[in-house]
Amino acid sequence: MSHFSTVKTQLRKREPLFQALLDLGYTPQGGENLVRGYRGQTVKTELAVKTHKGCELGFRWNNKTSSYELVTDLDLWKESMPVDRFLAQVTQRYAFNVVVSATDQEGFQIAEQKKNLDGSIELVVTRWDG
């Protein structure tokens, strides 16, 4: 019996997801990986992470939803934050990286970045037309 849980996300691009994990201090492994769970069971993922407390998680592509889904064994989750809070942090950094990439492609530069008390991030971008 599998103990792996799958959590749907709205994360559709690999590079911003990879960067989000790096931004949060994790070391994601790209390519096909095996994530380990209860009694050594494994599941294939496209991105794998060993958390700071030894839990393994991964993100695998779901063709039906055209997005990555988080896969982990929740019985082995040892992080100080619940999995939904972890995913919220990943999603915020993912969105930040998508915005930064899009603004860069449009010729904008970040002029100011501020993290608010509520955890939100404000960006001021500029573009010089010459």
N, C-alpha and C. Protein backbone atom coordinates (compact mmCIF):
# COMPACT_ATOMS: atom_id res chain seq x y z
N MET A 1 0.85 -1.19 0.00
CA MET A 1 0.00 0.00 0.00
C MET A 1 0.89 1.24 0.00
N SER A 2 0.62 2.13 -0.93
CA SER A 2 1.42 3.34 -1.06
C SER A 2 1.00 4.38 -0.03
N HIS A 3 1.99 5.08 0.51
CA HIS A 3 1.73 6.16 1.45
C HIS A 3 1.98 7.52 0.81
N PHE A 4 2.23 7.54 -0.48
CA PHE A 4 2.51 8.82 -1.15
C PHE A 4 1.24 9.62 -1.31
N SER A 5 1.37 10.91 -1.08
CA SER A 5 0.27 11.84 -1.30
C SER A 5 0.64 12.76 -2.44
N THR A 6 -0.35 13.13 -3.22
CA THR A 6 -0.16 14.02 -4.35
C THR A 6 -0.97 15.28 -4.10
N VAL A 7 -0.31 16.43 -4.27
CA VAL A 7 -0.97 17.71 -4.07
C VAL A 7 -0.94 18.47 -5.39
N LYS A 8 -2.11 18.81 -5.90
CA LYS A 8 -2.18 19.55 -7.16
C LYS A 8 -1.69 20.97 -6.96
N THR A 9 -1.08 21.52 -8.01
CA THR A 9 -0.59 22.89 -7.96
C THR A 9 -0.97 23.60 -9.27
N GLN A 10 -0.62 24.86 -9.34
CA GLN A 10 -0.77 25.63 -10.58
C GLN A 10 0.60 25.96 -11.17
N LEU A 11 1.60 25.19 -10.81
CA LEU A 11 2.98 25.42 -11.25
C LEU A 11 3.16 24.75 -12.60
N ARG A 12 3.37 25.55 -13.64
CA ARG A 12 3.38 25.01 -14.99
C ARG A 12 4.75 25.06 -15.68
N LYS A 13 5.68 25.83 -15.15
CA LYS A 13 6.98 25.98 -15.79
C LYS A 13 8.08 25.42 -14.88
N ARG A 14 8.96 24.63 -15.48
CA ARG A 14 9.98 23.94 -14.70
C ARG A 14 11.02 24.90 -14.14
N GLU A 15 11.56 25.79 -14.95
CA GLU A 15 12.66 26.65 -14.50
C GLU A 15 12.29 27.55 -13.32
N PRO A 16 11.13 28.23 -13.34
CA PRO A 16 10.77 29.03 -12.16
C PRO A 16 10.55 28.17 -10.91
N LEU A 17 10.07 26.93 -11.09
CA LEU A 17 9.90 26.02 -9.97
C LEU A 17 11.26 25.62 -9.40
N PHE A 18 12.18 25.26 -10.28
CA PHE A 18 13.54 24.90 -9.86
C PHE A 18 14.17 26.06 -9.10
N GLN A 19 14.04 27.27 -9.64
CA GLN A 19 14.63 28.45 -9.00
C GLN A 19 13.95 28.76 -7.67
N ALA A 20 12.65 28.56 -7.59
CA ALA A 20 11.93 28.79 -6.33
C ALA A 20 12.47 27.90 -5.23
N LEU A 21 12.72 26.64 -5.55
CA LEU A 21 13.27 25.71 -4.56
C LEU A 21 14.67 26.15 -4.14
N LEU A 22 15.47 26.59 -5.09
CA LEU A 22 16.80 27.13 -4.76
C LEU A 22 16.69 28.35 -3.86
N ASP A 23 15.77 29.25 -4.21
CA ASP A 23 15.57 30.48 -3.43
C ASP A 23 15.23 30.17 -1.97
N LEU A 24 14.53 29.08 -1.76
CA LEU A 24 14.11 28.70 -0.40
C LEU A 24 15.17 27.86 0.33
N GLY A 25 16.33 27.69 -0.30
CA GLY A 25 17.43 27.01 0.36
C GLY A 25 17.50 25.51 0.14
N TYR A 26 16.73 25.00 -0.79
CA TYR A 26 16.75 23.57 -1.10
C TYR A 26 17.68 23.33 -2.29
N THR A 27 18.05 22.07 -2.49
CA THR A 27 18.90 21.70 -3.62
C THR A 27 18.12 20.71 -4.47
N PRO A 28 17.33 21.21 -5.42
CA PRO A 28 16.54 20.30 -6.25
C PRO A 28 17.43 19.54 -7.24
N GLN A 29 17.04 18.32 -7.52
CA GLN A 29 17.72 17.49 -8.50
C GLN A 29 16.80 17.35 -9.70
N GLY A 30 17.25 17.81 -10.85
CA GLY A 30 16.46 17.71 -12.06
C GLY A 30 16.60 16.35 -12.71
N GLY A 31 15.82 16.11 -13.74
CA GLY A 31 15.84 14.83 -14.43
C GLY A 31 14.96 13.83 -13.72
N GLU A 32 14.93 12.61 -14.25
CA GLU A 32 14.10 11.59 -13.62
C GLU A 32 14.74 11.14 -12.31
N ASN A 33 13.99 11.25 -11.23
CA ASN A 33 14.47 10.90 -9.91
C ASN A 33 13.48 9.98 -9.22
N LEU A 34 13.97 9.24 -8.25
CA LEU A 34 13.11 8.44 -7.40
C LEU A 34 13.03 9.10 -6.04
N VAL A 35 11.82 9.35 -5.58
CA VAL A 35 11.58 9.89 -4.25
C VAL A 35 11.18 8.73 -3.37
N ARG A 36 11.82 8.63 -2.23
CA ARG A 36 11.58 7.51 -1.32
C ARG A 36 10.53 7.86 -0.26
N GLY A 37 9.77 6.85 0.08
CA GLY A 37 8.75 7.02 1.10
C GLY A 37 8.79 5.87 2.09
N TYR A 38 7.65 5.56 2.63
CA TYR A 38 7.46 4.52 3.65
C TYR A 38 8.03 3.19 3.17
N ARG A 39 8.82 2.56 4.04
CA ARG A 39 9.43 1.25 3.78
C ARG A 39 10.16 1.17 2.44
N GLY A 40 10.78 2.29 2.05
CA GLY A 40 11.60 2.30 0.85
C GLY A 40 10.84 2.36 -0.45
N GLN A 41 9.52 2.54 -0.40
CA GLN A 41 8.76 2.67 -1.63
C GLN A 41 9.25 3.90 -2.38
N THR A 42 9.16 3.88 -3.70
CA THR A 42 9.61 5.01 -4.50
C THR A 42 8.56 5.42 -5.51
N VAL A 43 8.69 6.66 -5.95
CA VAL A 43 7.85 7.19 -7.01
C VAL A 43 8.74 8.06 -7.90
N LYS A 44 8.52 8.02 -9.21
CA LYS A 44 9.32 8.81 -10.16
C LYS A 44 8.82 10.25 -10.20
N THR A 45 9.78 11.18 -10.21
CA THR A 45 9.46 12.60 -10.34
C THR A 45 10.47 13.26 -11.27
N GLU A 46 10.13 14.46 -11.76
CA GLU A 46 11.03 15.21 -12.63
C GLU A 46 11.95 16.14 -11.82
N LEU A 47 11.53 16.50 -10.63
CA LEU A 47 12.34 17.29 -9.70
C LEU A 47 12.25 16.63 -8.34
N ALA A 48 13.38 16.42 -7.69
CA ALA A 48 13.38 15.81 -6.37
C ALA A 48 14.14 16.69 -5.39
N VAL A 49 13.70 16.66 -4.14
CA VAL A 49 14.32 17.47 -3.09
C VAL A 49 14.39 16.63 -1.82
N LYS A 50 15.56 16.67 -1.18
CA LYS A 50 15.67 16.15 0.18
C LYS A 50 15.59 17.37 1.08
N THR A 51 14.62 17.39 1.96
CA THR A 51 14.42 18.55 2.82
C THR A 51 15.49 18.61 3.90
N HIS A 52 15.52 19.70 4.62
CA HIS A 52 16.51 19.92 5.66
C HIS A 52 16.43 18.87 6.76
N LYS A 53 15.27 18.26 6.92
CA LYS A 53 15.09 17.27 7.99
C LYS A 53 15.01 15.84 7.45
N GLY A 54 15.42 15.65 6.21
CA GLY A 54 15.55 14.30 5.67
C GLY A 54 14.37 13.75 4.90
N CYS A 55 13.25 14.45 4.88
CA CYS A 55 12.09 14.00 4.11
C CYS A 55 12.40 14.18 2.61
N GLU A 56 11.88 13.31 1.80
CA GLU A 56 12.03 13.44 0.35
C GLU A 56 10.70 13.84 -0.26
N LEU A 57 10.79 14.75 -1.23
CA LEU A 57 9.59 15.15 -1.98
C LEU A 57 9.99 15.38 -3.42
N GLY A 58 9.00 15.41 -4.25
CA GLY A 58 9.27 15.65 -5.67
C GLY A 58 8.12 16.34 -6.35
N PHE A 59 8.40 16.79 -7.55
CA PHE A 59 7.37 17.37 -8.39
C PHE A 59 7.37 16.58 -9.69
N ARG A 60 6.19 16.12 -10.08
CA ARG A 60 6.08 15.39 -11.34
C ARG A 60 5.03 16.05 -12.21
N TRP A 61 5.23 15.93 -13.51
CA TRP A 61 4.34 16.55 -14.48
C TRP A 61 3.06 15.74 -14.61
N ASN A 62 1.93 16.45 -14.58
CA ASN A 62 0.63 15.83 -14.75
C ASN A 62 0.08 16.31 -16.09
N ASN A 63 0.00 15.43 -17.08
CA ASN A 63 -0.46 15.81 -18.42
C ASN A 63 -1.91 16.28 -18.43
N LYS A 64 -2.74 15.72 -17.55
CA LYS A 64 -4.16 16.09 -17.54
C LYS A 64 -4.37 17.53 -17.12
N THR A 65 -3.58 17.99 -16.14
CA THR A 65 -3.75 19.37 -15.64
C THR A 65 -2.71 20.32 -16.20
N SER A 66 -1.76 19.80 -16.98
CA SER A 66 -0.65 20.59 -17.53
C SER A 66 0.05 21.39 -16.44
N SER A 67 0.35 20.70 -15.35
CA SER A 67 1.05 21.35 -14.25
C SER A 67 1.83 20.31 -13.45
N TYR A 68 2.74 20.81 -12.63
CA TYR A 68 3.46 19.92 -11.73
C TYR A 68 2.61 19.67 -10.50
N GLU A 69 2.77 18.48 -9.94
CA GLU A 69 2.11 18.17 -8.68
C GLU A 69 3.18 17.75 -7.68
N LEU A 70 2.96 18.12 -6.45
CA LEU A 70 3.87 17.76 -5.37
C LEU A 70 3.57 16.33 -4.94
N VAL A 71 4.63 15.52 -4.80
CA VAL A 71 4.48 14.13 -4.37
C VAL A 71 5.40 13.91 -3.17
N THR A 72 4.85 13.44 -2.07
CA THR A 72 5.65 13.13 -0.88
C THR A 72 4.89 12.15 0.00
N ASP A 73 5.61 11.55 0.91
CA ASP A 73 4.98 10.67 1.89
C ASP A 73 4.70 11.52 3.13
N LEU A 74 3.47 11.91 3.32
CA LEU A 74 3.12 12.82 4.42
C LEU A 74 3.37 12.20 5.80
N ASP A 75 3.38 10.86 5.87
CA ASP A 75 3.68 10.21 7.15
C ASP A 75 5.13 10.45 7.57
N LEU A 76 5.99 10.76 6.61
CA LEU A 76 7.40 11.00 6.91
C LEU A 76 7.75 12.50 6.93
N TRP A 77 6.77 13.37 6.76
CA TRP A 77 7.00 14.82 6.73
C TRP A 77 7.46 15.27 8.11
N LYS A 78 8.68 15.83 8.17
CA LYS A 78 9.26 16.25 9.44
C LYS A 78 9.59 17.73 9.48
N GLU A 79 9.22 18.45 8.46
CA GLU A 79 9.53 19.88 8.41
C GLU A 79 8.79 20.63 9.50
N SER A 80 9.33 21.79 9.87
CA SER A 80 8.73 22.58 10.94
C SER A 80 7.41 23.23 10.51
N MET A 81 7.15 23.28 9.21
CA MET A 81 5.90 23.84 8.70
C MET A 81 5.09 22.75 8.03
N PRO A 82 3.77 22.89 8.06
CA PRO A 82 2.93 21.91 7.36
C PRO A 82 3.17 21.97 5.85
N VAL A 83 2.83 20.89 5.16
CA VAL A 83 3.09 20.80 3.73
C VAL A 83 2.37 21.91 2.95
N ASP A 84 1.17 22.33 3.38
CA ASP A 84 0.47 23.39 2.66
C ASP A 84 1.20 24.72 2.79
N ARG A 85 1.82 24.99 3.93
CA ARG A 85 2.62 26.21 4.11
C ARG A 85 3.88 26.15 3.25
N PHE A 86 4.52 24.98 3.21
CA PHE A 86 5.68 24.79 2.35
C PHE A 86 5.31 25.09 0.90
N LEU A 87 4.20 24.52 0.45
CA LEU A 87 3.77 24.71 -0.93
C LEU A 87 3.40 26.18 -1.20
N ALA A 88 2.84 26.86 -0.22
CA ALA A 88 2.53 28.29 -0.37
C ALA A 88 3.82 29.09 -0.57
N GLN A 89 4.86 28.75 0.16
CA GLN A 89 6.14 29.45 0.00
C GLN A 89 6.74 29.17 -1.38
N VAL A 90 6.68 27.92 -1.81
CA VAL A 90 7.19 27.56 -3.13
C VAL A 90 6.41 28.31 -4.21
N THR A 91 5.09 28.36 -4.06
CA THR A 91 4.25 29.03 -5.05
C THR A 91 4.54 30.52 -5.10
N GLN A 92 4.77 31.15 -3.96
CA GLN A 92 5.10 32.58 -3.94
C GLN A 92 6.42 32.84 -4.67
N ARG A 93 7.44 32.04 -4.38
CA ARG A 93 8.73 32.23 -5.04
C ARG A 93 8.64 31.90 -6.52
N TYR A 94 7.82 30.91 -6.87
CA TYR A 94 7.58 30.57 -8.27
C TYR A 94 6.97 31.78 -9.00
N ALA A 95 5.94 32.36 -8.41
CA ALA A 95 5.29 33.53 -9.02
C ALA A 95 6.28 34.68 -9.16
N PHE A 96 7.08 34.91 -8.13
CA PHE A 96 8.09 35.96 -8.17
C PHE A 96 9.03 35.72 -9.36
N ASN A 97 9.51 34.50 -9.52
CA ASN A 97 10.44 34.19 -10.61
C ASN A 97 9.79 34.31 -11.98
N VAL A 98 8.53 33.96 -12.10
CA VAL A 98 7.82 34.13 -13.36
C VAL A 98 7.70 35.61 -13.71
N VAL A 99 7.35 36.44 -12.72
CA VAL A 99 7.23 37.88 -12.95
C VAL A 99 8.57 38.49 -13.32
N VAL A 100 9.62 38.13 -12.59
CA VAL A 100 10.95 38.68 -12.88
C VAL A 100 11.39 38.30 -14.29
N SER A 101 11.17 37.07 -14.68
CA SER A 101 11.54 36.62 -16.01
C SER A 101 10.76 37.37 -17.09
N ALA A 102 9.45 37.53 -16.88
CA ALA A 102 8.62 38.22 -17.86
C ALA A 102 9.00 39.70 -17.97
N THR A 103 9.26 40.35 -16.85
CA THR A 103 9.64 41.77 -16.91
C THR A 103 10.99 41.93 -17.60
N ASP A 104 11.91 41.01 -17.36
CA ASP A 104 13.22 41.06 -18.01
C ASP A 104 13.07 40.89 -19.53
N GLN A 105 12.22 39.97 -19.95
CA GLN A 105 11.99 39.74 -21.38
C GLN A 105 11.38 40.97 -22.05
N GLU A 106 10.63 41.75 -21.30
CA GLU A 106 10.01 42.96 -21.84
C GLU A 106 10.91 44.19 -21.72
N GLY A 107 12.14 43.98 -21.22
CA GLY A 107 13.09 45.08 -21.14
C GLY A 107 13.02 45.90 -19.86
N PHE A 108 12.33 45.39 -18.85
CA PHE A 108 12.24 46.10 -17.57
C PHE A 108 13.36 45.62 -16.64
N GLN A 109 13.67 46.46 -15.67
CA GLN A 109 14.61 46.10 -14.61
C GLN A 109 13.95 46.35 -13.27
N ILE A 110 14.31 45.55 -12.29
CA ILE A 110 13.77 45.75 -10.95
C ILE A 110 14.48 46.94 -10.32
N ALA A 111 13.71 47.95 -9.97
CA ALA A 111 14.26 49.15 -9.33
C ALA A 111 14.19 49.04 -7.82
N GLU A 112 13.16 48.34 -7.35
CA GLU A 112 12.98 48.22 -5.90
C GLU A 112 12.23 46.93 -5.61
N GLN A 113 12.64 46.29 -4.52
CA GLN A 113 11.98 45.06 -4.06
C GLN A 113 11.80 45.18 -2.56
N LYS A 114 10.57 44.94 -2.09
CA LYS A 114 10.28 45.09 -0.67
C LYS A 114 9.43 43.92 -0.21
N LYS A 115 9.84 43.31 0.91
CA LYS A 115 9.04 42.24 1.50
C LYS A 115 8.23 42.86 2.63
N ASN A 116 6.93 42.72 2.55
CA ASN A 116 6.02 43.31 3.54
C ASN A 116 5.86 42.41 4.76
N LEU A 117 5.33 42.98 5.82
CA LEU A 117 5.13 42.23 7.06
C LEU A 117 4.22 41.02 6.88
N ASP A 118 3.27 41.12 5.96
CA ASP A 118 2.35 40.01 5.72
C ASP A 118 2.96 38.92 4.83
N GLY A 119 4.22 39.11 4.43
CA GLY A 119 4.91 38.13 3.61
C GLY A 119 4.82 38.38 2.12
N SER A 120 3.99 39.34 1.71
CA SER A 120 3.89 39.65 0.29
C SER A 120 5.15 40.40 -0.17
N ILE A 121 5.37 40.39 -1.47
CA ILE A 121 6.54 41.04 -2.05
C ILE A 121 6.06 42.11 -3.02
N GLU A 122 6.59 43.31 -2.87
CA GLU A 122 6.29 44.40 -3.79
C GLU A 122 7.50 44.63 -4.69
N LEU A 123 7.25 44.76 -5.98
CA LEU A 123 8.30 45.06 -6.94
C LEU A 123 7.98 46.36 -7.65
N VAL A 124 8.99 47.17 -7.85
CA VAL A 124 8.90 48.34 -8.70
C VAL A 124 9.84 48.08 -9.85
N VAL A 125 9.31 48.11 -11.06
CA VAL A 125 10.14 47.86 -12.24
C VAL A 125 10.16 49.12 -13.11
N THR A 126 11.26 49.29 -13.80
CA THR A 126 11.41 50.45 -14.68
C THR A 126 11.95 50.00 -16.02
N ARG A 127 11.70 50.83 -17.02
CA ARG A 127 12.29 50.59 -18.35
C ARG A 127 12.63 51.94 -18.93
N TRP A 128 13.84 52.04 -19.39
CA TRP A 128 14.28 53.29 -20.00
C TRP A 128 14.13 53.16 -21.51
N ASP A 129 13.32 54.05 -22.07
CA ASP A 129 13.19 54.09 -23.53
C ASP A 129 14.10 55.20 -24.03
N GLY A 130 14.91 54.85 -24.98
CA GLY A 130 15.88 55.85 -25.45
C GLY A 130 15.74 56.19 -26.87
